[in-house]
Amino acid sequence: MNKNDLVAAVAEISGLAKSDAAKGVDAVLEAITNALTSGDDVRLVGFGTFSVAERKASEGRNPRTGETIQIAASKQPKFKAGKALKDSVNG
């Protein structure tokens, strides 16, 4: 499912016009992005938790040349599924 499919599904389930559903989906994604950018977690009870994890700097290897390279420290978005979502997926 891509974003257009998600917008169409939200429009169908909610009875909204596709343009209104698109605004809603965009607003939710923007709100989650803004929260993660500011260092907050987003907890949606029953669905899951979005958070940011710190990755330390590390050494890696270029697979072509075998040369050692430095991989910079970074922040990575993470998602942990909630119990209700896990139960739903597992039947």
N, C-alpha and C. Protein backbone atom coordinates (compact mmCIF):
# COMPACT_ATOMS: atom_id res chain seq x y z
N MET A 1 0.86 -1.17 0.00
CA MET A 1 0.00 0.00 0.00
C MET A 1 0.90 1.23 0.00
N ASN A 2 0.66 2.13 -0.94
CA ASN A 2 1.39 3.39 -0.96
C ASN A 2 0.52 4.51 -0.40
N LYS A 3 1.02 5.72 -0.41
CA LYS A 3 0.29 6.84 0.20
C LYS A 3 -1.05 7.07 -0.48
N ASN A 4 -1.10 6.99 -1.81
CA ASN A 4 -2.37 7.18 -2.53
C ASN A 4 -3.39 6.12 -2.14
N ASP A 5 -2.92 4.88 -1.98
CA ASP A 5 -3.81 3.80 -1.55
C ASP A 5 -4.33 4.07 -0.14
N LEU A 6 -3.45 4.56 0.72
CA LEU A 6 -3.84 4.88 2.09
C LEU A 6 -4.89 5.98 2.11
N VAL A 7 -4.69 7.02 1.32
CA VAL A 7 -5.66 8.12 1.24
C VAL A 7 -7.01 7.59 0.75
N ALA A 8 -7.00 6.75 -0.26
CA ALA A 8 -8.24 6.18 -0.79
C ALA A 8 -8.94 5.32 0.27
N ALA A 9 -8.17 4.53 1.03
CA ALA A 9 -8.76 3.69 2.07
C ALA A 9 -9.35 4.55 3.18
N VAL A 10 -8.64 5.60 3.60
CA VAL A 10 -9.16 6.50 4.64
C VAL A 10 -10.44 7.18 4.16
N ALA A 11 -10.46 7.61 2.91
CA ALA A 11 -11.65 8.26 2.35
C ALA A 11 -12.84 7.30 2.35
N GLU A 12 -12.59 6.06 1.96
CA GLU A 12 -13.67 5.07 1.91
C GLU A 12 -14.19 4.73 3.30
N ILE A 13 -13.27 4.49 4.24
CA ILE A 13 -13.67 4.10 5.59
C ILE A 13 -14.40 5.23 6.32
N SER A 14 -13.90 6.46 6.14
CA SER A 14 -14.46 7.59 6.88
C SER A 14 -15.60 8.29 6.17
N GLY A 15 -15.76 8.05 4.88
CA GLY A 15 -16.80 8.74 4.13
C GLY A 15 -16.41 10.16 3.73
N LEU A 16 -15.14 10.49 3.88
CA LEU A 16 -14.65 11.82 3.49
C LEU A 16 -14.31 11.83 2.00
N ALA A 17 -14.24 13.04 1.46
CA ALA A 17 -13.75 13.19 0.09
C ALA A 17 -12.25 12.87 0.09
N LYS A 18 -11.74 12.43 -1.06
CA LYS A 18 -10.33 12.07 -1.13
C LYS A 18 -9.44 13.26 -0.79
N SER A 19 -9.83 14.46 -1.17
CA SER A 19 -9.00 15.63 -0.87
C SER A 19 -8.94 15.88 0.64
N ASP A 20 -10.06 15.70 1.33
CA ASP A 20 -10.07 15.86 2.78
C ASP A 20 -9.27 14.75 3.47
N ALA A 21 -9.39 13.53 2.96
CA ALA A 21 -8.64 12.41 3.51
C ALA A 21 -7.14 12.63 3.31
N ALA A 22 -6.76 13.16 2.15
CA ALA A 22 -5.35 13.45 1.87
C ALA A 22 -4.82 14.48 2.85
N LYS A 23 -5.61 15.51 3.14
CA LYS A 23 -5.20 16.53 4.12
C LYS A 23 -5.02 15.90 5.50
N GLY A 24 -5.91 15.01 5.86
CA GLY A 24 -5.83 14.34 7.16
C GLY A 24 -4.59 13.45 7.26
N VAL A 25 -4.33 12.66 6.24
CA VAL A 25 -3.16 11.78 6.24
C VAL A 25 -1.89 12.62 6.29
N ASP A 26 -1.83 13.68 5.47
CA ASP A 26 -0.66 14.56 5.48
C ASP A 26 -0.45 15.20 6.85
N ALA A 27 -1.54 15.61 7.49
CA ALA A 27 -1.45 16.25 8.80
C ALA A 27 -0.92 15.27 9.85
N VAL A 28 -1.39 14.04 9.82
CA VAL A 28 -0.93 13.03 10.78
C VAL A 28 0.56 12.75 10.57
N LEU A 29 0.98 12.57 9.33
CA LEU A 29 2.39 12.31 9.05
C LEU A 29 3.26 13.49 9.45
N GLU A 30 2.79 14.70 9.20
CA GLU A 30 3.55 15.90 9.59
C GLU A 30 3.66 16.01 11.11
N ALA A 31 2.57 15.71 11.81
CA ALA A 31 2.58 15.78 13.28
C ALA A 31 3.56 14.76 13.86
N ILE A 32 3.58 13.55 13.32
CA ILE A 32 4.51 12.52 13.79
C ILE A 32 5.95 12.96 13.50
N THR A 33 6.19 13.47 12.30
CA THR A 33 7.53 13.93 11.92
C THR A 33 7.99 15.06 12.84
N ASN A 34 7.12 16.02 13.10
CA ASN A 34 7.47 17.15 13.97
C ASN A 34 7.79 16.69 15.39
N ALA A 35 7.02 15.74 15.90
CA ALA A 35 7.26 15.23 17.25
C ALA A 35 8.61 14.51 17.33
N LEU A 36 8.90 13.67 16.33
CA LEU A 36 10.18 12.95 16.33
C LEU A 36 11.36 13.91 16.17
N THR A 37 11.18 14.93 15.34
CA THR A 37 12.24 15.92 15.13
C THR A 37 12.57 16.66 16.41
N SER A 38 11.55 16.92 17.22
CA SER A 38 11.78 17.64 18.48
C SER A 38 12.21 16.71 19.62
N GLY A 39 12.36 15.41 19.33
CA GLY A 39 12.85 14.47 20.33
C GLY A 39 11.78 13.76 21.13
N ASP A 40 10.52 13.98 20.79
CA ASP A 40 9.42 13.33 21.51
C ASP A 40 9.08 11.98 20.88
N ASP A 41 8.48 11.10 21.66
CA ASP A 41 7.93 9.85 21.15
C ASP A 41 6.46 10.08 20.82
N VAL A 42 5.94 9.26 19.91
CA VAL A 42 4.52 9.30 19.58
C VAL A 42 3.95 7.94 19.92
N ARG A 43 3.07 7.89 20.94
CA ARG A 43 2.48 6.63 21.39
C ARG A 43 1.01 6.59 20.98
N LEU A 44 0.67 5.63 20.16
CA LEU A 44 -0.70 5.42 19.74
C LEU A 44 -1.14 4.09 20.37
N VAL A 45 -1.89 4.17 21.46
CA VAL A 45 -2.26 2.99 22.23
C VAL A 45 -2.94 1.97 21.33
N GLY A 46 -2.44 0.75 21.38
CA GLY A 46 -3.00 -0.33 20.58
C GLY A 46 -2.37 -0.44 19.20
N PHE A 47 -1.77 0.64 18.71
CA PHE A 47 -1.16 0.62 17.38
C PHE A 47 0.35 0.47 17.48
N GLY A 48 1.00 1.38 18.21
CA GLY A 48 2.44 1.29 18.36
C GLY A 48 3.07 2.59 18.79
N THR A 49 4.39 2.60 18.84
CA THR A 49 5.14 3.76 19.29
C THR A 49 6.21 4.12 18.27
N PHE A 50 6.23 5.38 17.88
CA PHE A 50 7.28 5.92 17.05
C PHE A 50 8.28 6.60 17.97
N SER A 51 9.57 6.37 17.76
CA SER A 51 10.60 6.99 18.60
C SER A 51 11.84 7.23 17.75
N VAL A 52 12.83 7.88 18.37
CA VAL A 52 14.10 8.15 17.70
C VAL A 52 15.20 7.46 18.49
N ALA A 53 16.05 6.72 17.79
CA ALA A 53 17.19 6.02 18.41
C ALA A 53 18.48 6.66 17.93
N GLU A 54 19.43 6.77 18.84
CA GLU A 54 20.75 7.32 18.51
C GLU A 54 21.64 6.17 18.05
N ARG A 55 22.30 6.37 16.91
CA ARG A 55 23.28 5.39 16.44
C ARG A 55 24.66 6.00 16.62
N LYS A 56 25.56 5.27 17.23
CA LYS A 56 26.92 5.74 17.45
C LYS A 56 27.71 5.72 16.14
N ALA A 57 28.75 6.52 16.09
CA ALA A 57 29.65 6.47 14.95
C ALA A 57 30.32 5.09 14.94
N SER A 58 30.62 4.60 13.75
CA SER A 58 31.22 3.28 13.64
C SER A 58 32.14 3.22 12.43
N GLU A 59 32.85 2.13 12.34
CA GLU A 59 33.71 1.89 11.19
C GLU A 59 33.05 0.86 10.30
N GLY A 60 33.14 1.07 8.99
CA GLY A 60 32.60 0.12 8.04
C GLY A 60 33.62 -0.15 6.95
N ARG A 61 33.25 -0.96 6.00
CA ARG A 61 34.14 -1.27 4.88
C ARG A 61 33.41 -1.04 3.58
N ASN A 62 34.12 -0.45 2.64
CA ASN A 62 33.60 -0.31 1.28
C ASN A 62 33.65 -1.71 0.66
N PRO A 63 32.50 -2.27 0.25
CA PRO A 63 32.51 -3.64 -0.26
C PRO A 63 33.30 -3.81 -1.56
N ARG A 64 33.44 -2.74 -2.33
CA ARG A 64 34.19 -2.84 -3.59
C ARG A 64 35.68 -2.87 -3.37
N THR A 65 36.15 -1.95 -2.52
CA THR A 65 37.60 -1.79 -2.37
C THR A 65 38.14 -2.41 -1.09
N GLY A 66 37.27 -2.68 -0.13
CA GLY A 66 37.72 -3.19 1.15
C GLY A 66 38.28 -2.10 2.05
N GLU A 67 38.24 -0.86 1.57
CA GLU A 67 38.77 0.28 2.32
C GLU A 67 37.90 0.55 3.55
N THR A 68 38.54 0.87 4.67
CA THR A 68 37.83 1.21 5.90
C THR A 68 37.27 2.62 5.78
N ILE A 69 36.00 2.80 6.15
CA ILE A 69 35.37 4.12 6.11
C ILE A 69 34.74 4.41 7.47
N GLN A 70 34.59 5.68 7.76
CA GLN A 70 33.94 6.10 9.00
C GLN A 70 32.46 6.35 8.72
N ILE A 71 31.60 5.80 9.53
CA ILE A 71 30.15 6.02 9.42
C ILE A 71 29.79 6.96 10.56
N ALA A 72 29.24 8.11 10.22
CA ALA A 72 28.93 9.14 11.20
C ALA A 72 27.79 8.71 12.12
N ALA A 73 27.78 9.28 13.32
CA ALA A 73 26.67 9.07 14.25
C ALA A 73 25.41 9.67 13.63
N SER A 74 24.26 9.08 13.92
CA SER A 74 23.00 9.59 13.35
C SER A 74 21.84 9.22 14.24
N LYS A 75 20.71 9.80 13.94
CA LYS A 75 19.46 9.48 14.62
C LYS A 75 18.59 8.72 13.64
N GLN A 76 17.96 7.65 14.11
CA GLN A 76 17.13 6.80 13.26
C GLN A 76 15.72 6.72 13.82
N PRO A 77 14.70 6.95 12.98
CA PRO A 77 13.33 6.75 13.46
C PRO A 77 13.07 5.25 13.64
N LYS A 78 12.33 4.92 14.68
CA LYS A 78 11.99 3.52 14.98
C LYS A 78 10.48 3.41 15.20
N PHE A 79 9.95 2.24 14.92
CA PHE A 79 8.55 1.95 15.21
C PHE A 79 8.46 0.61 15.91
N LYS A 80 7.75 0.59 17.02
CA LYS A 80 7.50 -0.66 17.73
C LYS A 80 6.00 -0.89 17.75
N ALA A 81 5.57 -1.99 17.16
CA ALA A 81 4.15 -2.31 17.06
C ALA A 81 3.57 -2.59 18.45
N GLY A 82 2.32 -2.14 18.66
CA GLY A 82 1.61 -2.40 19.90
C GLY A 82 0.96 -3.77 19.89
N LYS A 83 0.49 -4.19 21.05
CA LYS A 83 -0.10 -5.52 21.20
C LYS A 83 -1.31 -5.73 20.30
N ALA A 84 -2.21 -4.74 20.24
CA ALA A 84 -3.41 -4.91 19.42
C ALA A 84 -3.06 -5.08 17.94
N LEU A 85 -2.06 -4.32 17.46
CA LEU A 85 -1.65 -4.44 16.07
C LEU A 85 -1.01 -5.81 15.83
N LYS A 86 -0.16 -6.25 16.73
CA LYS A 86 0.45 -7.57 16.60
C LYS A 86 -0.60 -8.67 16.57
N ASP A 87 -1.56 -8.57 17.49
CA ASP A 87 -2.62 -9.59 17.56
C ASP A 87 -3.45 -9.60 16.28
N SER A 88 -3.74 -8.43 15.75
CA SER A 88 -4.52 -8.32 14.52
C SER A 88 -3.80 -8.94 13.33
N VAL A 89 -2.51 -8.68 13.24
CA VAL A 89 -1.71 -9.22 12.13
C VAL A 89 -1.57 -10.73 12.23
N ASN A 90 -1.47 -11.22 13.47
CA ASN A 90 -1.29 -12.66 13.68
C ASN A 90 -2.59 -13.45 13.70
N GLY A 91 -3.69 -12.79 13.43
CA GLY A 91 -4.94 -13.51 13.30
C GLY A 91 -5.75 -13.50 14.54
